Protein backbone atom coordinates (compact mmCIF):
# COMPACT_ATOMS: atom_id res chain seq x y z
CA MET A 1 -13.54 -10.18 -17.24
CA THR A 2 -15.72 -7.91 -19.43
CA ASN A 3 -15.14 -5.07 -21.91
CA ASN A 4 -17.23 -2.98 -19.51
CA ASN A 5 -15.24 -3.62 -16.64
CA ILE A 6 -11.92 -4.78 -17.38
CA ALA A 7 -10.76 -4.23 -13.61
CA GLY A 8 -13.17 -6.62 -12.22
CA ASN A 9 -15.30 -5.52 -9.35
CA ARG A 10 -12.14 -6.11 -6.97
CA SER A 11 -12.44 -5.33 -3.23
CA GLY A 12 -9.68 -6.89 -0.65
CA TYR A 13 -5.84 -6.39 0.53
CA ILE A 14 -3.03 -5.13 -0.68
CA GLU A 15 0.85 -6.58 1.00
CA GLY A 16 2.71 -3.60 -0.62
CA TYR A 17 4.41 -1.64 2.22
CA TYR A 18 7.75 -0.73 3.10
CA GLY A 19 9.39 -2.11 6.02
CA ARG A 20 7.36 -5.33 6.76
CA LEU A 21 7.20 -8.90 5.28
CA LEU A 22 4.29 -11.03 6.36
CA ASP A 23 4.76 -15.16 7.03
CA TRP A 24 2.52 -17.54 5.26
CA SER A 25 0.18 -18.00 8.04
CA ALA A 26 -0.29 -14.62 8.75
CA ARG A 27 -1.31 -13.98 5.17
CA HIS A 28 -3.90 -17.26 5.28
CA GLU A 29 -5.23 -15.62 8.46
CA LEU A 30 -5.92 -12.26 6.26
CA VAL A 31 -7.25 -14.45 3.18
CA ALA A 32 -9.74 -16.47 5.70
CA VAL A 33 -10.81 -12.68 7.05
CA MET A 34 -11.28 -11.19 3.66
CA ALA A 35 -13.41 -14.26 2.50
CA SER A 36 -15.67 -13.80 5.65
CA LEU A 37 -16.25 -10.27 4.72
CA GLY A 38 -17.10 -11.11 0.90
CA MET A 39 -13.59 -9.70 -0.53
CA ASN A 40 -11.90 -11.43 -3.45
CA SER A 41 -8.36 -10.08 -4.00
CA TYR A 42 -4.91 -10.36 -2.28
CA LEU A 43 -2.04 -8.66 -4.38
CA TYR A 44 1.22 -9.59 -3.20
CA ALA A 45 3.88 -6.80 -3.68
CA PRO A 46 5.63 -6.35 -0.48
CA LYS A 47 8.11 -3.44 -1.39
CA ASP A 48 10.88 -5.86 1.20
CA ASP A 49 10.65 -9.13 -0.55
CA ALA A 50 14.33 -8.64 -2.35
CA ALA A 51 12.95 -11.22 -5.35
CA HIS A 52 9.88 -9.06 -6.03
CA ARG A 53 11.45 -5.58 -6.64
CA TYR A 54 15.37 -5.03 -5.77
CA ALA A 55 16.63 -8.49 -6.87
CA TRP A 56 13.31 -9.02 -9.54
CA ARG A 57 15.73 -10.87 -11.85
CA THR A 58 16.49 -13.69 -8.79
CA PRO A 59 13.86 -16.56 -9.14
CA TYR A 60 12.51 -17.41 -6.17
CA ASP A 61 13.56 -20.68 -4.20
CA ASP A 62 11.94 -23.85 -3.66
CA GLN A 63 10.43 -23.18 -0.22
CA TRP A 64 9.27 -19.93 -1.32
CA ARG A 65 7.31 -21.24 -4.01
CA ASN A 66 5.84 -24.20 -1.99
CA GLY A 67 4.37 -21.56 0.56
CA PHE A 68 2.96 -19.32 -2.45
CA ALA A 69 1.75 -22.37 -4.03
CA ASP A 70 0.12 -23.62 -1.16
CA PHE A 71 -1.59 -20.19 -0.12
CA ALA A 72 -2.65 -19.53 -3.72
CA ALA A 73 -4.47 -22.43 -3.70
CA ALA A 74 -5.98 -21.74 -0.15
CA ALA A 75 -6.81 -18.64 -1.23
CA ALA A 76 -8.79 -19.78 -4.57
CA ARG A 77 -10.94 -22.51 -2.23
CA GLN A 78 -11.91 -19.39 -0.79
CA ASN A 79 -12.94 -17.31 -4.00
CA ILE A 80 -10.03 -14.93 -3.60
CA ASP A 81 -7.76 -14.27 -6.35
CA VAL A 82 -4.14 -14.12 -5.91
CA LEU A 83 -2.14 -11.07 -8.06
CA ALA A 84 1.66 -11.50 -7.62
CA GLY A 85 3.38 -8.24 -8.32
CA ILE A 86 6.95 -8.32 -10.05
CA ALA A 87 8.73 -4.61 -10.30
CA PRO A 88 11.40 -4.49 -12.44
CA GLY A 89 11.46 -0.90 -12.75
CA LEU A 90 14.44 0.18 -10.88
CA ASP A 91 16.92 -0.84 -13.57
CA PHE A 92 14.90 -2.73 -16.32
CA ASN A 93 16.89 -2.31 -19.87
CA PHE A 94 14.89 -1.51 -22.36
CA ALA A 95 17.27 -1.29 -25.20
CA GLU A 96 16.04 -4.76 -26.87
CA LEU A 97 12.48 -4.72 -25.62
CA GLU A 98 10.94 -3.89 -29.00
CA LYS A 99 12.65 -7.36 -30.48
CA LYS A 100 11.19 -8.75 -27.21
CA ARG A 101 14.39 -10.15 -26.35
CA GLY A 102 17.22 -9.71 -24.10
CA ASP A 103 18.10 -10.91 -20.71
CA ASP A 104 15.86 -8.52 -18.60
CA PHE A 105 12.88 -9.46 -20.70
CA ALA A 106 13.52 -12.98 -20.33
CA CYS A 107 14.06 -12.69 -16.75
CA LEU A 108 10.44 -11.29 -16.43
CA VAL A 109 8.87 -13.49 -18.01
CA LYS A 110 10.48 -16.48 -16.60
CA LYS A 111 9.53 -15.02 -13.15
CA ALA A 112 5.86 -14.58 -14.20
CA GLU A 113 5.57 -17.85 -15.66
CA GLN A 114 6.99 -19.09 -12.35
CA LEU A 115 4.04 -17.12 -10.55
CA SER A 116 1.30 -18.37 -12.84
CA ALA A 117 2.46 -21.92 -12.65
CA ASP A 118 2.36 -21.84 -8.57
CA GLY A 119 -1.48 -20.17 -8.51
CA ALA A 120 -1.30 -16.37 -9.34
CA SER A 121 -4.50 -15.53 -11.24
CA HIS A 122 -2.82 -12.00 -12.55
CA ILE A 123 0.25 -10.50 -13.01
CA VAL A 124 0.96 -7.14 -11.76
CA LEU A 125 3.97 -5.28 -13.32
CA LEU A 126 4.80 -2.62 -10.84
CA MET A 127 6.71 0.43 -12.31
CA ASP A 128 6.26 2.74 -8.89
CA ASP A 129 8.74 4.50 -7.08
CA ILE A 130 11.67 4.41 -9.46
CA GLY A 131 14.37 7.13 -10.22
CA ALA A 132 14.28 9.57 -12.43
CA ASP A 133 16.99 7.83 -15.12
CA PHE A 134 14.83 6.52 -17.70
CA ASP A 135 16.79 7.84 -20.36
CA ASP A 136 19.73 6.12 -19.27
CA ARG A 137 18.12 2.80 -19.80
CA ALA A 138 15.68 3.82 -22.73
CA GLY A 139 17.27 2.46 -26.00
CA PRO A 140 14.53 3.29 -29.03
CA PHE A 141 12.04 4.77 -26.55
CA GLN A 142 11.64 8.41 -26.38
CA SER A 143 8.59 8.43 -24.26
CA GLU A 144 8.46 6.60 -20.64
CA GLY A 145 5.06 6.21 -20.80
CA LYS A 146 5.36 4.28 -24.04
CA ALA A 147 8.02 2.15 -22.75
CA HIS A 148 6.01 0.98 -19.71
CA ALA A 149 3.00 0.36 -21.73
CA ALA A 150 5.26 -1.90 -24.46
CA LEU A 151 6.39 -3.83 -21.80
CA ALA A 152 3.11 -4.76 -20.35
CA ASN A 153 1.76 -5.48 -23.73
CA HIS A 154 5.04 -7.47 -24.36
CA LEU A 155 4.70 -9.43 -20.93
CA MET A 156 0.79 -10.14 -21.70
CA GLN A 157 1.71 -11.66 -25.03
CA ALA A 158 4.22 -13.87 -23.31
CA VAL A 159 2.41 -15.34 -20.69
CA ASP A 160 -0.97 -17.22 -19.86
CA ARG A 161 -2.29 -14.71 -17.54
CA PRO A 162 -3.91 -11.55 -17.35
CA VAL A 163 -1.73 -8.54 -16.57
CA ILE A 164 -2.03 -5.60 -14.55
CA ILE A 165 0.01 -2.18 -14.33
CA VAL A 166 0.66 0.03 -11.79
CA PRO A 167 2.15 2.99 -13.69
CA ARG A 168 5.22 5.26 -12.55
CA ILE A 169 2.64 8.06 -12.03
CA TYR A 170 0.12 6.45 -9.95
CA ALA A 171 -1.05 9.60 -8.32
CA ASP A 172 -2.07 13.35 -9.81
CA SER A 173 0.60 14.70 -7.22
CA LEU A 174 3.47 12.86 -9.32
CA VAL A 175 3.20 14.83 -12.16
CA ASP A 176 6.20 17.26 -12.62
CA ALA A 177 4.79 20.43 -14.15
CA THR A 178 8.30 21.30 -15.45
CA ASP A 179 9.02 18.31 -17.15
CA PRO A 180 7.40 17.54 -20.37
CA ASN A 181 7.78 13.42 -19.95
CA SER A 182 6.14 13.53 -16.73
CA LEU A 183 3.22 15.71 -18.32
CA SER A 184 2.77 13.25 -21.33
CA TYR A 185 3.34 10.12 -19.63
CA LEU A 186 0.05 9.03 -18.57
CA LYS A 187 -1.22 9.75 -21.90
CA ASP A 188 1.37 7.90 -23.78
CA LEU A 189 0.91 4.90 -21.41
CA THR A 190 -3.30 4.90 -21.90
CA THR A 191 -2.90 5.23 -25.56
CA THR A 192 -0.18 2.43 -25.90
CA LEU A 193 -1.28 0.08 -23.37
CA ALA A 194 -3.39 -2.98 -24.65
CA PRO A 195 -6.89 -2.04 -23.95
CA ASP A 196 -7.46 -5.11 -21.77
CA CYS A 197 -4.97 -4.31 -19.47
CA PRO A 198 -6.31 -2.66 -16.07
CA ILE A 199 -4.08 0.28 -14.58
CA VAL A 200 -3.63 0.61 -11.21
CA TYR A 201 -3.90 4.53 -9.45
CA CYS A 202 -4.29 6.31 -5.92
CA GLY A 203 -6.19 9.26 -6.93
CA ASN A 204 -5.15 13.03 -6.21
CA ASP A 205 -2.15 11.92 -4.04
CA ILE A 206 -0.09 9.39 -3.05
CA VAL A 207 -2.67 9.02 0.15
CA ALA A 208 -5.85 10.20 -1.84
CA HIS A 209 -8.04 12.78 -0.61
CA ARG A 210 -10.13 12.43 -3.96
CA ILE A 211 -9.43 8.26 -4.80
CA GLY A 212 -10.00 7.49 -8.49
CA GLY A 213 -9.15 8.50 -11.83
CA ASP A 214 -6.42 11.18 -12.60
CA ALA A 215 -7.07 14.97 -12.76
CA SER A 216 -6.48 14.77 -16.41
CA GLY A 217 -9.02 12.00 -17.43
CA HIS A 218 -6.57 9.83 -18.94
CA ILE A 219 -7.61 6.51 -17.18
CA ALA A 220 -11.07 5.16 -18.13
CA ASP A 221 -13.10 4.26 -15.08
CA ARG A 222 -13.47 0.82 -16.42
CA ARG A 223 -9.91 -0.18 -16.26
CA LEU A 224 -9.20 1.31 -13.36
CA LEU A 225 -8.14 -0.22 -9.96
CA ILE A 226 -7.55 1.87 -6.94
CA TRP A 227 -4.47 1.33 -4.62
CA ASP A 228 -5.61 2.86 -1.18
CA ASN A 229 -2.72 4.03 1.16
CA PHE A 230 -5.53 5.63 3.67
CA TYR A 231 -3.97 3.70 6.45
CA ALA A 232 -0.68 2.93 5.35
CA ASN A 233 1.69 4.08 7.85
CA ASP A 234 5.49 3.06 6.26
CA TYR A 235 6.21 6.73 5.66
CA CYS A 236 5.17 7.66 9.55
CA PRO A 237 5.84 4.08 11.43
CA ARG A 238 5.78 5.84 14.73
CA ARG A 239 1.85 6.55 13.95
CA LEU A 240 -1.07 4.74 13.32
CA PHE A 241 -4.30 5.34 11.66
CA ILE A 242 -7.42 3.53 12.71
CA GLY A 243 -10.00 5.93 12.26
CA PRO A 244 -13.12 5.76 9.90
CA TRP A 245 -12.47 5.18 6.63
CA ARG A 246 -12.88 8.36 4.50
CA ARG A 247 -14.57 6.32 1.41
CA SER A 248 -17.85 4.97 0.16
CA VAL A 249 -19.16 1.58 1.42
CA GLY A 250 -19.23 -0.73 -1.83
CA ALA A 251 -17.02 1.37 -3.86
CA SER A 252 -16.01 -1.22 -6.45
CA ASN A 253 -12.48 -1.84 -7.73
CA ILE A 254 -10.24 -0.47 -4.43
CA LEU A 255 -7.98 -2.98 -2.40
CA LEU A 256 -6.24 -1.73 0.77
CA ASN A 257 -2.33 -0.92 1.62
CA PRO A 258 -2.66 -0.61 5.47
CA THR A 259 0.04 -1.36 8.26
CA GLY A 260 1.38 -4.71 7.75
CA LEU A 261 0.31 -5.41 11.32
CA ILE A 262 -1.52 -8.61 11.07
CA GLU A 263 -4.41 -7.91 13.82
CA THR A 264 -4.49 -4.20 12.93
CA ASP A 265 -5.04 -5.13 8.97
CA LYS A 266 -7.44 -7.75 9.74
CA LEU A 267 -9.63 -5.28 11.77
CA LEU A 268 -9.11 -2.70 9.31
CA LEU A 269 -10.58 -4.86 6.38
CA GLU A 270 -13.68 -4.75 8.78
CA VAL A 271 -13.51 -0.92 8.66
CA MET A 272 -13.87 -1.09 5.15
CA LEU A 273 -16.80 -2.44 5.24
CA ILE A 274 -18.24 0.70 7.42
CA GLY A 275 -16.46 3.36 5.53
CA ASP A 276 -17.18 7.07 6.91
CA ASP A 277 -19.89 6.01 9.46
CA VAL A 278 -18.80 7.20 12.96
CA GLU A 279 -21.03 5.58 14.87
CA LYS A 280 -20.60 1.94 13.55
CA TRP A 281 -17.10 2.40 13.31
CA ARG A 282 -17.40 2.91 17.37
CA ASP A 283 -19.36 -0.06 17.52
CA LEU A 284 -17.02 -2.20 15.42
CA LEU A 285 -14.00 -1.18 17.62
CA GLY A 286 -15.78 -1.11 20.58
CA GLN A 287 -15.89 -4.94 20.29
CA HIS A 288 -11.78 -4.80 20.17
CA LEU A 289 -10.79 -1.90 22.34
CA PRO A 290 -11.31 -0.77 25.79
CA PRO A 291 -12.99 2.47 26.33
CA ALA A 292 -9.78 4.46 27.26
CA PHE A 293 -9.21 4.28 23.42
CA PHE A 294 -11.77 6.53 22.42
CA THR A 295 -10.39 9.18 24.63
CA VAL A 296 -7.27 9.45 22.33
CA ALA A 297 -9.07 8.52 18.62
CA CYS A 298 -7.58 12.19 17.82
CA TYR A 299 -4.53 11.28 17.57
CA PHE A 300 -5.30 7.84 15.88
CA ASP A 301 -7.93 9.01 13.37
CA ALA A 302 -6.74 10.16 9.30
CA PRO A 303 -3.55 11.06 7.67
CA TYR A 304 -2.37 14.30 7.29
CA GLY A 305 -5.24 16.85 5.49
CA PHE A 306 -8.47 15.00 6.52
CA GLY A 307 -10.76 16.74 8.49
CA PRO A 308 -10.94 15.13 12.24
CA LYS A 309 -13.79 13.34 13.20
CA PHE A 310 -12.87 13.61 17.02
CA ALA A 311 -12.15 16.50 19.62
CA VAL A 312 -8.77 16.74 21.33
CA PRO A 313 -8.67 15.92 24.83
CA PRO A 314 -6.86 17.69 27.86
CA VAL A 315 -3.61 16.64 28.32
CA GLU A 316 -3.85 14.98 31.60
CA MET A 317 -7.11 13.20 30.33
CA ALA A 318 -5.22 12.00 27.38
CA LEU A 319 -2.44 10.93 29.40
CA GLU A 320 -4.11 8.88 31.67
CA ALA A 321 -6.08 7.28 28.73
CA VAL A 322 -2.57 6.53 27.20
CA ASP A 323 -1.47 5.14 30.72
CA GLN A 324 -4.41 2.68 30.60
CA LEU A 325 -3.86 1.44 27.13
CA LEU A 326 -0.24 1.08 27.73
CA TRP A 327 -0.11 -0.94 31.19
CA GLN A 328 -3.91 -2.03 31.74
CA TRP A 329 -4.80 -3.25 28.41
CA LYS A 330 -3.64 -6.82 27.47
CA SER A 331 -3.82 -8.08 23.84
CA THR A 332 -2.51 -9.04 20.26
CA LEU A 333 -3.34 -5.57 19.16
CA GLN A 334 -1.89 -3.76 22.08
CA ARG A 335 1.33 -5.30 21.57
CA GLU A 336 1.25 -4.46 17.92
CA TRP A 337 0.84 -0.97 19.28
CA TYR A 338 2.52 -0.29 21.93
CA PRO A 339 5.18 1.57 20.03
CA MET A 340 2.76 4.05 18.78
CA LEU A 341 1.14 4.46 22.22
CA MET A 342 4.53 4.52 23.96
CA GLY A 343 5.73 7.42 21.00
CA LEU A 344 2.14 9.33 21.87
CA LYS A 345 2.70 9.32 25.43
CA GLN A 346 6.40 10.93 25.09
CA ASP A 347 4.85 13.51 22.02
CA LEU A 348 2.21 14.40 24.91
CA LEU A 349 4.39 15.21 27.66
CA ILE A 350 7.22 17.00 25.28
CA ALA A 351 4.54 19.53 23.86
CA ASP A 352 2.84 19.77 27.41
CA GLN A 353 6.72 20.76 28.48
CA GLN A 354 6.41 17.73 31.33
CA MET A 355 9.03 15.99 29.96
CA SER A 356 12.73 16.36 31.71
CA ASP A 357 15.63 17.42 29.36
CA ALA A 358 17.29 13.94 30.63
CA ARG A 359 14.30 12.20 29.62
CA ILE A 360 14.13 13.74 26.54
CA ALA A 361 17.43 12.88 25.85
CA LYS A 362 17.11 9.19 26.82
CA THR A 363 13.88 8.31 24.88
CA GLN A 364 14.42 10.50 21.71
CA SER A 365 16.66 10.29 18.71
CA ALA A 366 20.00 12.15 19.19
CA ALA A 367 19.47 14.26 16.14
CA LEU A 368 15.56 14.93 17.40
CA SER A 369 16.50 15.48 21.05
CA GLY A 370 19.26 17.87 19.86
CA ALA A 371 17.06 20.01 18.26
CA LEU A 372 14.34 19.97 21.16
CA LEU A 373 17.19 20.95 23.65
CA THR A 374 18.87 23.49 21.62
CA PRO A 375 17.56 27.05 22.79
CA PRO A 376 16.14 29.31 20.14
CA GLY A 377 18.64 31.22 18.02
CA ASP A 378 21.87 29.16 19.36
């Protein structure tokens, strides 16, 4: 890395979603695809790896370490860095951090040293998605941003690997205008953080319409690494986004956090190289999907708030296409997409009032079917 571009011109994949945990064979498959596409970074930070986040103090066992070491070595042979995440933010005790002692800091260093010894090229300190209880664990720190920066700085001094930080405020929309500590968080973080520590950020929102630096301009472009949730669906698992990537082709320092569906994510890595070109997108997906998909592409295009690329078909045409995808298309992608395809069929039938009350009661959750079947005003 150089002082002109601390983040390192990175491109690649983030295993950073909730609800799914890949096995080592799937990770090897992803790395092989990344290498073929010229990508260079795999960020390991799955929310549902207990030893990564919820029980971050727990050391990884020998079996996991062997799998990670083999994975990191295979990635290195293909010129891909494995950035290994640790997420202590849920309950880290800052009371003794300034003295660089205490059980929590020792646990963090031990975990980072373990990951480094097993092949991680960087340690990523994740302080995202945590509660507003910093004051209960603040110790001598009056500023949460300064505390998080100090933790990263001490970790950088303690381990023989570069450190990257994911801040608690990782999108503009997370700033609480009524909370002075929230308003000052990024300024306090960036002014305290070591100048050679990159910062991960999404953009104007968690699923960002504008990726890049924060609105207040505290994060310099040279230290910015973008976490892109455009295709993520852990917050809406009945949906799937597979439309054109609303980003510029060749954008630097951007990593994709997608679905955790291995065949889908391998395809999305290819979609990243196309950007927002609809015709190239059609050509690529046409190699993997039957023509019926493009009839209903509007339902799989993009998250909320993005301008649509495709027209909405008549209901009967959409239902016919979905039936073809459900019953006639046979592939690994179809098996991954089955729940979303079936959910779309049911939604279309309900929206067009073609589904009987009994069928609604059978196929929808009790909470939703109760709302759908309750007459207005009751």
